[in-house]
Amino acid sequence: MEKVFFIDRKRPTYTLPSAVKIIRQGGIVLSSTDTVYGLACDPHHPDGVRRIQELKGRPAEKGFLLLIPTPDWVDKLASTIPKYYLNLKQFWPGPLTLLLPAGPNVPKSIASPDQKVGIRCPDHFFLKSWLEHLGHPLLSTSANLSGEKLLTTITDLREIFEHSVDLLLFDKEGDQTEASTVVDLTVDRPQIIRPGKLAIRVQEVLNKVI
């Protein structure tokens, strides 16, 4: 099976069968997103999660991000809905990651030691179709080595990951350089713990409601 594809915005479903098949088999896909390139797998497949940890050199105790098909999935994944969630939900679909209290449907290998899980509903032409066809969230993490700079060019991404992942999906439109903004909603006063896309607008909302 061909391993490298360039996602066509005019025909986003062209690469879907391969992407869905790899995930359902427990494999790893490097994919374009609406933020930075990411490594994705089925969060309920232990081998896929372990392989991503090993590829990145990522500490096992560090939590992962879940990409969700629709905001409705928050009810299935979070143990409780934090007070300010509805104020920030307006930025979904989009480049905003929310740290929420992990519920019982979140695998222990995904949540952080303090039982938080990052959740994001992406605004990306291919990811939307991919998640819809899978019918469940994707585990996702930035496609770089843990602690190292983000990899933003196709050349660098292929050099590091081409021989260690099962499928690579690149965007014809160019490099992707800015990560999502991350907000911790598990604390009394929500705060941005990583500024990224939309950070200024998100902070403006937080300033009004806290």
N, C-alpha and C. Protein backbone atom coordinates (compact mmCIF):
# COMPACT_ATOMS: atom_id res chain seq x y z
N MET A 1 0.85 -1.20 0.00
CA MET A 1 0.00 0.00 0.00
C MET A 1 0.88 1.25 0.00
N GLU A 2 0.49 2.22 -0.80
CA GLU A 2 1.24 3.47 -0.82
C GLU A 2 1.23 4.10 0.56
N LYS A 3 2.36 4.70 0.96
CA LYS A 3 2.51 5.17 2.33
C LYS A 3 2.42 6.68 2.47
N VAL A 4 2.70 7.42 1.41
CA VAL A 4 2.71 8.88 1.47
C VAL A 4 1.66 9.44 0.53
N PHE A 5 0.79 10.31 1.07
CA PHE A 5 -0.24 10.97 0.27
C PHE A 5 -0.17 12.48 0.49
N PHE A 6 -0.61 13.23 -0.51
CA PHE A 6 -0.81 14.66 -0.35
C PHE A 6 -2.31 14.92 -0.40
N ILE A 7 -2.83 15.44 0.71
CA ILE A 7 -4.27 15.65 0.82
C ILE A 7 -4.71 16.72 -0.17
N ASP A 8 -5.73 16.41 -0.91
CA ASP A 8 -6.28 17.33 -1.90
C ASP A 8 -7.52 18.00 -1.31
N ARG A 9 -7.47 19.31 -1.11
CA ARG A 9 -8.61 20.02 -0.51
C ARG A 9 -9.87 19.90 -1.37
N LYS A 10 -9.71 19.67 -2.66
CA LYS A 10 -10.88 19.53 -3.52
C LYS A 10 -11.44 18.11 -3.48
N ARG A 11 -10.60 17.16 -3.04
CA ARG A 11 -11.05 15.76 -2.92
C ARG A 11 -10.53 15.18 -1.60
N PRO A 12 -11.02 15.71 -0.45
CA PRO A 12 -10.48 15.27 0.83
C PRO A 12 -10.75 13.81 1.15
N THR A 13 -11.76 13.22 0.49
CA THR A 13 -12.08 11.83 0.78
C THR A 13 -11.18 10.85 0.05
N TYR A 14 -10.31 11.34 -0.82
CA TYR A 14 -9.45 10.48 -1.62
C TYR A 14 -8.57 9.60 -0.74
N THR A 15 -8.06 10.16 0.36
CA THR A 15 -7.14 9.42 1.23
C THR A 15 -7.83 8.80 2.44
N LEU A 16 -9.14 9.00 2.57
CA LEU A 16 -9.85 8.51 3.76
C LEU A 16 -9.75 7.00 3.97
N PRO A 17 -9.98 6.18 2.95
CA PRO A 17 -9.96 4.73 3.20
C PRO A 17 -8.66 4.25 3.83
N SER A 18 -7.54 4.75 3.35
CA SER A 18 -6.25 4.33 3.91
C SER A 18 -6.10 4.81 5.34
N ALA A 19 -6.50 6.06 5.62
CA ALA A 19 -6.36 6.61 6.97
C ALA A 19 -7.24 5.87 7.97
N VAL A 20 -8.47 5.58 7.57
CA VAL A 20 -9.39 4.86 8.46
C VAL A 20 -8.88 3.44 8.71
N LYS A 21 -8.42 2.78 7.67
CA LYS A 21 -7.94 1.40 7.80
C LYS A 21 -6.76 1.31 8.76
N ILE A 22 -5.80 2.20 8.61
CA ILE A 22 -4.60 2.17 9.46
C ILE A 22 -4.98 2.35 10.93
N ILE A 23 -5.85 3.32 11.22
CA ILE A 23 -6.25 3.57 12.60
C ILE A 23 -6.98 2.36 13.18
N ARG A 24 -7.88 1.78 12.41
CA ARG A 24 -8.65 0.63 12.92
C ARG A 24 -7.77 -0.59 13.14
N GLN A 25 -6.64 -0.64 12.45
CA GLN A 25 -5.70 -1.75 12.64
C GLN A 25 -4.72 -1.48 13.78
N GLY A 26 -4.85 -0.33 14.42
CA GLY A 26 -3.96 0.00 15.52
C GLY A 26 -2.68 0.69 15.10
N GLY A 27 -2.65 1.20 13.85
CA GLY A 27 -1.45 1.84 13.34
C GLY A 27 -1.36 3.31 13.68
N ILE A 28 -0.30 3.94 13.17
CA ILE A 28 -0.03 5.36 13.43
C ILE A 28 -0.03 6.12 12.11
N VAL A 29 -0.69 7.28 12.11
CA VAL A 29 -0.75 8.14 10.94
C VAL A 29 -0.16 9.50 11.29
N LEU A 30 0.74 9.98 10.47
CA LEU A 30 1.22 11.36 10.57
C LEU A 30 0.34 12.18 9.64
N SER A 31 -0.29 13.22 10.18
CA SER A 31 -1.28 13.93 9.37
C SER A 31 -1.22 15.44 9.53
N SER A 32 -1.58 16.11 8.46
CA SER A 32 -1.86 17.53 8.49
C SER A 32 -3.05 17.80 9.41
N THR A 33 -3.05 18.95 10.10
CA THR A 33 -4.19 19.36 10.91
C THR A 33 -4.44 20.84 10.67
N ASP A 34 -5.30 21.45 11.48
CA ASP A 34 -5.52 22.89 11.38
C ASP A 34 -4.55 23.66 12.27
N THR A 35 -3.62 22.94 12.92
CA THR A 35 -2.58 23.61 13.72
C THR A 35 -1.22 23.15 13.19
N VAL A 36 -0.58 22.20 13.87
CA VAL A 36 0.69 21.65 13.40
C VAL A 36 0.49 20.19 13.01
N TYR A 37 1.46 19.63 12.30
CA TYR A 37 1.36 18.22 11.94
C TYR A 37 1.33 17.37 13.20
N GLY A 38 0.53 16.29 13.15
CA GLY A 38 0.37 15.46 14.33
C GLY A 38 0.54 13.98 14.04
N LEU A 39 0.82 13.23 15.10
CA LEU A 39 0.82 11.77 15.06
C LEU A 39 -0.48 11.30 15.69
N ALA A 40 -1.19 10.42 15.01
CA ALA A 40 -2.51 10.00 15.48
C ALA A 40 -2.61 8.48 15.55
N CYS A 41 -3.43 8.02 16.51
CA CYS A 41 -3.73 6.59 16.61
C CYS A 41 -5.07 6.44 17.33
N ASP A 42 -5.53 5.20 17.43
CA ASP A 42 -6.75 4.90 18.18
C ASP A 42 -6.40 4.95 19.67
N PRO A 43 -7.06 5.81 20.45
CA PRO A 43 -6.71 5.94 21.87
C PRO A 43 -6.97 4.67 22.68
N HIS A 44 -7.80 3.77 22.13
CA HIS A 44 -8.11 2.53 22.84
C HIS A 44 -7.24 1.36 22.38
N HIS A 45 -6.23 1.66 21.57
CA HIS A 45 -5.34 0.60 21.09
C HIS A 45 -3.99 0.75 21.78
N PRO A 46 -3.70 -0.07 22.80
CA PRO A 46 -2.47 0.10 23.59
C PRO A 46 -1.19 0.09 22.78
N ASP A 47 -1.11 -0.75 21.74
CA ASP A 47 0.12 -0.81 20.95
C ASP A 47 0.38 0.51 20.21
N GLY A 48 -0.69 1.11 19.68
CA GLY A 48 -0.54 2.38 18.99
C GLY A 48 -0.07 3.48 19.93
N VAL A 49 -0.67 3.52 21.12
CA VAL A 49 -0.28 4.52 22.12
C VAL A 49 1.17 4.32 22.53
N ARG A 50 1.55 3.09 22.76
CA ARG A 50 2.93 2.78 23.16
C ARG A 50 3.92 3.17 22.07
N ARG A 51 3.58 2.87 20.81
CA ARG A 51 4.48 3.20 19.71
C ARG A 51 4.70 4.71 19.59
N ILE A 52 3.63 5.49 19.78
CA ILE A 52 3.78 6.94 19.70
C ILE A 52 4.66 7.45 20.84
N GLN A 53 4.47 6.89 22.03
CA GLN A 53 5.33 7.29 23.15
C GLN A 53 6.79 7.00 22.84
N GLU A 54 7.05 5.84 22.25
CA GLU A 54 8.43 5.47 21.94
C GLU A 54 9.00 6.30 20.80
N LEU A 55 8.19 6.57 19.78
CA LEU A 55 8.65 7.38 18.65
C LEU A 55 9.08 8.77 19.08
N LYS A 56 8.29 9.36 19.98
CA LYS A 56 8.56 10.72 20.42
C LYS A 56 9.56 10.78 21.57
N GLY A 57 9.78 9.64 22.24
CA GLY A 57 10.56 9.67 23.46
C GLY A 57 9.81 10.40 24.55
N ARG A 58 8.50 10.19 24.56
CA ARG A 58 7.60 10.94 25.44
C ARG A 58 7.41 10.21 26.76
N PRO A 59 7.51 10.90 27.89
CA PRO A 59 7.29 10.26 29.18
C PRO A 59 5.90 9.63 29.25
N ALA A 60 5.82 8.42 29.79
CA ALA A 60 4.55 7.70 29.84
C ALA A 60 3.51 8.43 30.68
N GLU A 61 3.96 9.24 31.65
CA GLU A 61 3.01 9.90 32.54
C GLU A 61 2.43 11.19 31.95
N LYS A 62 2.93 11.61 30.79
CA LYS A 62 2.43 12.84 30.18
C LYS A 62 1.18 12.54 29.37
N GLY A 63 0.10 13.30 29.62
CA GLY A 63 -1.17 13.03 28.96
C GLY A 63 -1.17 13.39 27.49
N PHE A 64 -2.17 12.87 26.78
CA PHE A 64 -2.31 13.11 25.34
C PHE A 64 -3.54 13.96 25.06
N LEU A 65 -3.63 14.37 23.82
CA LEU A 65 -4.78 15.12 23.32
C LEU A 65 -5.73 14.17 22.59
N LEU A 66 -7.02 14.41 22.76
CA LEU A 66 -8.03 13.70 21.99
C LEU A 66 -8.71 14.68 21.04
N LEU A 67 -8.72 14.34 19.76
CA LEU A 67 -9.47 15.10 18.77
C LEU A 67 -10.85 14.49 18.67
N ILE A 68 -11.89 15.31 18.77
CA ILE A 68 -13.26 14.80 18.78
C ILE A 68 -14.02 15.23 17.54
N PRO A 69 -14.96 14.38 17.08
CA PRO A 69 -15.74 14.71 15.88
C PRO A 69 -16.65 15.92 16.07
N THR A 70 -17.29 16.01 17.25
CA THR A 70 -18.21 17.11 17.57
C THR A 70 -18.07 17.46 19.04
N PRO A 71 -18.47 18.67 19.45
CA PRO A 71 -18.40 19.04 20.86
C PRO A 71 -19.22 18.13 21.77
N ASP A 72 -20.21 17.43 21.22
CA ASP A 72 -21.04 16.53 22.04
C ASP A 72 -20.21 15.47 22.76
N TRP A 73 -19.02 15.18 22.22
CA TRP A 73 -18.18 14.15 22.82
C TRP A 73 -17.64 14.56 24.19
N VAL A 74 -17.66 15.82 24.52
CA VAL A 74 -17.17 16.27 25.83
C VAL A 74 -17.95 15.57 26.94
N ASP A 75 -19.27 15.43 26.75
CA ASP A 75 -20.10 14.76 27.77
C ASP A 75 -19.67 13.31 27.99
N LYS A 76 -19.12 12.68 26.96
CA LYS A 76 -18.72 11.28 27.06
C LYS A 76 -17.32 11.12 27.65
N LEU A 77 -16.51 12.17 27.57
CA LEU A 77 -15.10 12.05 27.94
C LEU A 77 -14.74 12.73 29.25
N ALA A 78 -15.45 13.78 29.61
CA ALA A 78 -15.14 14.52 30.84
C ALA A 78 -16.00 14.01 31.99
N SER A 79 -15.39 13.92 33.17
CA SER A 79 -16.14 13.45 34.34
C SER A 79 -17.14 14.51 34.80
N THR A 80 -16.80 15.76 34.63
CA THR A 80 -17.70 16.88 34.91
C THR A 80 -17.45 17.96 33.86
N ILE A 81 -18.42 18.82 33.67
CA ILE A 81 -18.28 19.93 32.73
C ILE A 81 -17.94 21.19 33.53
N PRO A 82 -16.72 21.70 33.38
CA PRO A 82 -16.30 22.88 34.15
C PRO A 82 -17.17 24.10 33.87
N LYS A 83 -17.18 24.99 34.82
CA LYS A 83 -18.05 26.17 34.80
C LYS A 83 -17.89 27.01 33.54
N TYR A 84 -16.66 27.19 33.08
CA TYR A 84 -16.42 28.13 31.98
C TYR A 84 -16.33 27.44 30.61
N TYR A 85 -16.68 26.18 30.55
CA TYR A 85 -16.62 25.46 29.28
C TYR A 85 -17.49 26.12 28.21
N LEU A 86 -18.70 26.48 28.56
CA LEU A 86 -19.62 27.05 27.57
C LEU A 86 -19.12 28.39 27.03
N ASN A 87 -18.35 29.12 27.84
CA ASN A 87 -17.80 30.39 27.36
C ASN A 87 -16.76 30.20 26.27
N LEU A 88 -16.04 29.07 26.33
CA LEU A 88 -14.97 28.83 25.38
C LEU A 88 -15.38 27.90 24.24
N LYS A 89 -16.51 27.24 24.39
CA LYS A 89 -16.99 26.33 23.35
C LYS A 89 -17.19 27.05 22.02
N GLN A 90 -17.37 28.36 22.08
CA GLN A 90 -17.59 29.15 20.86
C GLN A 90 -16.41 29.06 19.88
N PHE A 91 -15.23 28.67 20.38
CA PHE A 91 -14.05 28.59 19.52
C PHE A 91 -13.91 27.23 18.83
N TRP A 92 -14.87 26.37 19.04
CA TRP A 92 -14.88 25.06 18.36
C TRP A 92 -15.90 25.07 17.24
N PRO A 93 -15.63 24.39 16.13
CA PRO A 93 -14.36 23.77 15.78
C PRO A 93 -13.27 24.82 15.61
N GLY A 94 -12.05 24.49 16.05
CA GLY A 94 -10.97 25.44 15.94
C GLY A 94 -9.75 25.04 16.75
N PRO A 95 -8.71 25.89 16.72
CA PRO A 95 -7.42 25.56 17.32
C PRO A 95 -7.35 25.87 18.82
N LEU A 96 -8.30 25.38 19.58
CA LEU A 96 -8.32 25.56 21.03
C LEU A 96 -8.40 24.19 21.71
N THR A 97 -7.44 23.90 22.57
CA THR A 97 -7.43 22.67 23.35
C THR A 97 -7.85 22.98 24.78
N LEU A 98 -8.79 22.23 25.29
CA LEU A 98 -9.26 22.43 26.66
C LEU A 98 -8.82 21.26 27.52
N LEU A 99 -8.21 21.56 28.66
CA LEU A 99 -7.89 20.51 29.63
C LEU A 99 -9.10 20.34 30.53
N LEU A 100 -9.63 19.12 30.56
CA LEU A 100 -10.85 18.80 31.30
C LEU A 100 -10.59 17.62 32.22
N PRO A 101 -11.42 17.45 33.26
CA PRO A 101 -11.27 16.28 34.13
C PRO A 101 -11.65 15.01 33.38
N ALA A 102 -10.74 14.06 33.30
CA ALA A 102 -10.96 12.84 32.52
C ALA A 102 -12.02 11.96 33.16
N GLY A 103 -12.95 11.49 32.34
CA GLY A 103 -13.98 10.57 32.80
C GLY A 103 -13.57 9.13 32.59
N PRO A 104 -14.43 8.18 32.95
CA PRO A 104 -14.10 6.76 32.86
C PRO A 104 -13.91 6.25 31.43
N ASN A 105 -14.40 6.99 30.43
CA ASN A 105 -14.25 6.55 29.05
C ASN A 105 -12.89 6.93 28.45
N VAL A 106 -12.09 7.65 29.21
CA VAL A 106 -10.74 8.02 28.75
C VAL A 106 -9.75 6.98 29.26
N PRO A 107 -9.05 6.28 28.35
CA PRO A 107 -8.07 5.28 28.80
C PRO A 107 -7.04 5.89 29.74
N LYS A 108 -6.61 5.11 30.73
CA LYS A 108 -5.65 5.61 31.71
C LYS A 108 -4.34 6.05 31.05
N SER A 109 -3.99 5.42 29.94
CA SER A 109 -2.75 5.77 29.26
C SER A 109 -2.82 7.12 28.55
N ILE A 110 -4.02 7.68 28.44
CA ILE A 110 -4.22 8.95 27.75
C ILE A 110 -4.23 10.11 28.72
N ALA A 111 -4.85 9.93 29.88
CA ALA A 111 -4.97 11.01 30.86
C ALA A 111 -3.64 11.24 31.57
N SER A 112 -3.47 12.44 32.10
CA SER A 112 -2.29 12.77 32.89
C SER A 112 -2.42 12.15 34.28
N PRO A 113 -1.34 12.12 35.06
CA PRO A 113 -1.41 11.56 36.41
C PRO A 113 -2.45 12.24 37.30
N ASP A 114 -2.71 13.54 37.07
CA ASP A 114 -3.73 14.23 37.86
C ASP A 114 -5.10 14.16 37.19
N GLN A 115 -5.25 13.19 36.28
CA GLN A 115 -6.53 12.88 35.65
C GLN A 115 -7.13 14.05 34.86
N LYS A 116 -6.26 14.67 34.07
CA LYS A 116 -6.73 15.67 33.11
C LYS A 116 -6.55 15.10 31.71
N VAL A 117 -7.40 15.55 30.79
CA VAL A 117 -7.26 15.14 29.40
C VAL A 117 -7.47 16.35 28.50
N GLY A 118 -6.62 16.50 27.51
CA GLY A 118 -6.79 17.57 26.53
C GLY A 118 -7.77 17.15 25.45
N ILE A 119 -8.71 18.03 25.15
CA ILE A 119 -9.74 17.73 24.15
C ILE A 119 -9.85 18.90 23.18
N ARG A 120 -9.95 18.56 21.90
CA ARG A 120 -10.09 19.60 20.87
C ARG A 120 -10.99 19.12 19.75
N CYS A 121 -11.84 20.02 19.28
CA CYS A 121 -12.68 19.76 18.11
C CYS A 121 -12.08 20.54 16.95
N PRO A 122 -11.42 19.85 16.01
CA PRO A 122 -10.66 20.56 14.97
C PRO A 122 -11.52 21.13 13.85
N ASP A 123 -10.99 22.17 13.23
CA ASP A 123 -11.62 22.79 12.07
C ASP A 123 -10.70 22.55 10.87
N HIS A 124 -10.80 21.36 10.31
CA HIS A 124 -9.89 20.97 9.24
C HIS A 124 -10.65 20.07 8.27
N PHE A 125 -10.59 20.40 7.01
CA PHE A 125 -11.40 19.73 6.00
C PHE A 125 -11.21 18.22 6.00
N PHE A 126 -10.00 17.73 6.21
CA PHE A 126 -9.77 16.29 6.19
C PHE A 126 -10.06 15.66 7.54
N LEU A 127 -9.61 16.28 8.63
CA LEU A 127 -9.84 15.72 9.96
C LEU A 127 -11.32 15.52 10.24
N LYS A 128 -12.13 16.47 9.80
CA LYS A 128 -13.57 16.35 10.03
C LYS A 128 -14.12 15.07 9.40
N SER A 129 -13.76 14.82 8.16
CA SER A 129 -14.24 13.62 7.47
C SER A 129 -13.66 12.36 8.10
N TRP A 130 -12.41 12.41 8.46
CA TRP A 130 -11.73 11.27 9.07
C TRP A 130 -12.41 10.87 10.38
N LEU A 131 -12.63 11.84 11.25
CA LEU A 131 -13.28 11.57 12.53
C LEU A 131 -14.71 11.08 12.34
N GLU A 132 -15.39 11.65 11.37
CA GLU A 132 -16.77 11.23 11.09
C GLU A 132 -16.81 9.77 10.65
N HIS A 133 -15.89 9.37 9.80
CA HIS A 133 -15.88 7.98 9.33
C HIS A 133 -15.44 7.01 10.41
N LEU A 134 -14.53 7.44 11.28
CA LEU A 134 -14.10 6.57 12.38
C LEU A 134 -15.20 6.42 13.42
N GLY A 135 -15.91 7.51 13.68
CA GLY A 135 -16.99 7.47 14.66
C GLY A 135 -16.51 7.53 16.10
N HIS A 136 -15.26 7.93 16.31
CA HIS A 136 -14.73 8.05 17.67
C HIS A 136 -13.53 9.00 17.65
N PRO A 137 -13.09 9.45 18.83
CA PRO A 137 -11.95 10.38 18.87
C PRO A 137 -10.64 9.74 18.39
N LEU A 138 -9.70 10.60 18.05
CA LEU A 138 -8.35 10.20 17.72
C LEU A 138 -7.40 10.71 18.80
N LEU A 139 -6.47 9.88 19.20
CA LEU A 139 -5.36 10.38 20.00
C LEU A 139 -4.46 11.17 19.06
N SER A 140 -4.00 12.33 19.50
CA SER A 140 -3.13 13.14 18.66
C SER A 140 -2.06 13.81 19.50
N THR A 141 -0.89 13.95 18.94
CA THR A 141 0.21 14.67 19.56
C THR A 141 1.07 15.25 18.46
N SER A 142 1.74 16.34 18.74
CA SER A 142 2.53 17.01 17.70
C SER A 142 3.60 16.07 17.15
N ALA A 143 3.85 16.18 15.84
CA ALA A 143 4.80 15.29 15.17
C ALA A 143 6.22 15.86 15.33
N ASN A 144 6.76 15.64 16.51
CA ASN A 144 8.14 16.03 16.78
C ASN A 144 8.67 15.14 17.91
N LEU A 145 9.95 15.19 18.15
CA LEU A 145 10.52 14.44 19.25
C LEU A 145 10.29 15.22 20.53
N SER A 146 9.99 14.51 21.61
CA SER A 146 9.64 15.16 22.87
C SER A 146 10.73 16.12 23.31
N GLY A 147 10.33 17.37 23.59
CA GLY A 147 11.27 18.37 24.04
C GLY A 147 12.00 19.10 22.93
N GLU A 148 11.83 18.65 21.69
CA GLU A 148 12.50 19.28 20.56
C GLU A 148 11.56 20.25 19.84
N LYS A 149 12.10 21.04 18.93
CA LYS A 149 11.30 22.02 18.20
C LYS A 149 10.27 21.32 17.32
N LEU A 150 9.20 22.06 17.02
CA LEU A 150 8.18 21.53 16.12
C LEU A 150 8.76 21.34 14.73
N LEU A 151 8.35 20.26 14.08
CA LEU A 151 8.76 20.01 12.70
C LEU A 151 7.66 20.54 11.79
N THR A 152 8.02 21.47 10.93
CA THR A 152 7.00 22.15 10.12
C THR A 152 7.13 21.93 8.63
N THR A 153 8.24 21.33 8.19
CA THR A 153 8.41 21.12 6.76
C THR A 153 8.27 19.63 6.42
N ILE A 154 7.79 19.38 5.22
CA ILE A 154 7.61 18.00 4.78
C ILE A 154 8.94 17.26 4.77
N THR A 155 10.00 17.95 4.37
CA THR A 155 11.32 17.32 4.33
C THR A 155 11.75 16.82 5.71
N ASP A 156 11.61 17.66 6.72
CA ASP A 156 12.00 17.27 8.09
C ASP A 156 11.10 16.15 8.63
N LEU A 157 9.81 16.25 8.36
CA LEU A 157 8.87 15.25 8.85
C LEU A 157 9.16 13.88 8.23
N ARG A 158 9.45 13.86 6.95
CA ARG A 158 9.75 12.59 6.30
C ARG A 158 11.06 12.00 6.82
N GLU A 159 12.02 12.86 7.05
CA GLU A 159 13.32 12.38 7.53
C GLU A 159 13.19 11.68 8.89
N ILE A 160 12.37 12.24 9.77
CA ILE A 160 12.26 11.70 11.13
C ILE A 160 11.28 10.54 11.21
N PHE A 161 10.15 10.61 10.47
CA PHE A 161 9.06 9.68 10.74
C PHE A 161 8.69 8.73 9.60
N GLU A 162 9.21 8.92 8.41
CA GLU A 162 8.70 8.12 7.28
C GLU A 162 8.86 6.62 7.49
N HIS A 163 9.91 6.20 8.15
CA HIS A 163 10.16 4.77 8.30
C HIS A 163 9.63 4.20 9.63
N SER A 164 8.94 5.05 10.40
CA SER A 164 8.47 4.57 11.70
C SER A 164 6.97 4.71 11.90
N VAL A 165 6.26 5.34 10.95
CA VAL A 165 4.80 5.39 11.02
C VAL A 165 4.23 4.62 9.84
N ASP A 166 2.92 4.41 9.86
CA ASP A 166 2.29 3.56 8.85
C ASP A 166 1.73 4.33 7.65
N LEU A 167 1.50 5.62 7.84
CA LEU A 167 0.92 6.43 6.77
C LEU A 167 1.28 7.89 7.03
N LEU A 168 1.61 8.63 5.96
CA LEU A 168 1.91 10.05 6.07
C LEU A 168 0.98 10.83 5.15
N LEU A 169 0.29 11.81 5.72
CA LEU A 169 -0.67 12.61 4.97
C LEU A 169 -0.24 14.07 5.04
N PHE A 170 0.25 14.59 3.93
CA PHE A 170 0.74 15.96 3.89
C PHE A 170 -0.26 16.88 3.21
N ASP A 171 -0.15 18.18 3.55
CA ASP A 171 -1.04 19.19 2.99
C ASP A 171 -0.34 19.88 1.82
N LYS A 172 -0.98 19.91 0.68
CA LYS A 172 -0.42 20.56 -0.50
C LYS A 172 -0.26 22.07 -0.32
N GLU A 173 -0.98 22.63 0.64
CA GLU A 173 -0.99 24.08 0.79
C GLU A 173 0.25 24.63 1.48
N GLY A 174 1.11 23.77 2.04
CA GLY A 174 2.34 24.28 2.63
C GLY A 174 2.55 23.88 4.08
N ASP A 175 3.50 24.56 4.73
CA ASP A 175 3.91 24.22 6.09
C ASP A 175 2.85 24.66 7.11
N GLN A 176 2.90 24.02 8.28
CA GLN A 176 1.99 24.36 9.38
C GLN A 176 2.86 24.63 10.60
N THR A 177 2.72 25.82 11.17
CA THR A 177 3.73 26.27 12.13
C THR A 177 3.20 26.69 13.50
N GLU A 178 1.89 26.82 13.68
CA GLU A 178 1.37 27.34 14.95
C GLU A 178 0.45 26.34 15.63
N ALA A 179 0.78 26.02 16.89
CA ALA A 179 0.01 25.05 17.66
C ALA A 179 -1.27 25.68 18.19
N SER A 180 -2.12 24.83 18.77
CA SER A 180 -3.36 25.32 19.36
C SER A 180 -3.07 26.03 20.69
N THR A 181 -3.99 26.87 21.10
CA THR A 181 -3.94 27.45 22.44
C THR A 181 -4.51 26.43 23.41
N VAL A 182 -3.86 26.26 24.56
CA VAL A 182 -4.31 25.30 25.57
C VAL A 182 -4.77 26.04 26.82
N VAL A 183 -5.99 25.73 27.25
CA VAL A 183 -6.56 26.34 28.45
C VAL A 183 -6.91 25.25 29.46
N ASP A 184 -6.47 25.44 30.70
CA ASP A 184 -6.79 24.50 31.77
C ASP A 184 -8.09 24.92 32.43
N LEU A 185 -9.13 24.11 32.24
CA LEU A 185 -10.44 24.39 32.83
C LEU A 185 -10.68 23.61 34.12
N THR A 186 -9.68 22.90 34.60
CA THR A 186 -9.86 22.10 35.81
C THR A 186 -9.56 22.90 37.08
N VAL A 187 -9.09 24.13 36.92
CA VAL A 187 -8.74 24.97 38.07
C VAL A 187 -9.82 26.03 38.27
N ASP A 188 -9.82 26.65 39.46
CA ASP A 188 -10.86 27.62 39.79
C ASP A 188 -10.84 28.82 38.85
N ARG A 189 -9.64 29.26 38.49
CA ARG A 189 -9.50 30.37 37.55
C ARG A 189 -8.81 29.86 36.30
N PRO A 190 -9.58 29.53 35.27
CA PRO A 190 -9.00 28.98 34.04
C PRO A 190 -7.89 29.88 33.51
N GLN A 191 -6.85 29.25 32.98
CA GLN A 191 -5.72 30.01 32.48
C GLN A 191 -5.14 29.38 31.23
N ILE A 192 -4.58 30.21 30.39
CA ILE A 192 -3.89 29.72 29.20
C ILE A 192 -2.53 29.18 29.65
N ILE A 193 -2.29 27.92 29.39
CA ILE A 193 -1.00 27.34 29.77
C ILE A 193 -0.08 27.18 28.56
N ARG A 194 -0.64 27.35 27.35
CA ARG A 194 0.19 27.42 26.16
C ARG A 194 -0.50 28.32 25.14
N PRO A 195 0.04 29.49 24.87
CA PRO A 195 -0.57 30.36 23.86
C PRO A 195 -0.28 29.83 22.46
N GLY A 196 -1.25 29.98 21.59
CA GLY A 196 -1.09 29.56 20.20
C GLY A 196 -2.10 30.32 19.37
N LYS A 197 -2.64 29.66 18.35
CA LYS A 197 -3.68 30.29 17.55
C LYS A 197 -4.84 30.71 18.44
N LEU A 198 -5.41 31.87 18.18
CA LEU A 198 -6.56 32.43 18.88
C LEU A 198 -6.27 32.86 20.31
N ALA A 199 -5.02 32.86 20.74
CA ALA A 199 -4.70 33.13 22.14
C ALA A 199 -5.24 34.48 22.60
N ILE A 200 -5.12 35.51 21.79
CA ILE A 200 -5.58 36.84 22.19
C ILE A 200 -7.09 36.85 22.38
N ARG A 201 -7.81 36.25 21.45
CA ARG A 201 -9.27 36.23 21.55
C ARG A 201 -9.73 35.39 22.74
N VAL A 202 -9.06 34.27 22.97
CA VAL A 202 -9.41 33.42 24.10
C VAL A 202 -9.17 34.16 25.41
N GLN A 203 -8.05 34.86 25.52
CA GLN A 203 -7.76 35.61 26.74
C GLN A 203 -8.78 36.71 26.97
N GLU A 204 -9.24 37.34 25.90
CA GLU A 204 -10.26 38.38 26.03
C GLU A 204 -11.54 37.82 26.64
N VAL A 205 -11.93 36.63 26.22
CA VAL A 205 -13.13 36.00 26.78
C VAL A 205 -12.91 35.66 28.25
N LEU A 206 -11.75 35.08 28.56
CA LEU A 206 -11.48 34.74 29.95
C LEU A 206 -11.49 35.99 30.85
N ASN A 207 -10.94 37.07 30.35
CA ASN A 207 -10.92 38.31 31.15
C ASN A 207 -12.32 38.80 31.47
N LYS A 208 -13.26 38.54 30.59
CA LYS A 208 -14.64 39.00 30.79
C LYS A 208 -15.42 38.13 31.76
N VAL A 209 -15.12 36.84 31.81
CA VAL A 209 -15.99 35.93 32.57
C VAL A 209 -15.42 35.51 33.92
N ILE A 210 -14.11 35.66 34.11
CA ILE A 210 -13.53 35.23 35.39
C ILE A 210 -13.60 36.35 36.42
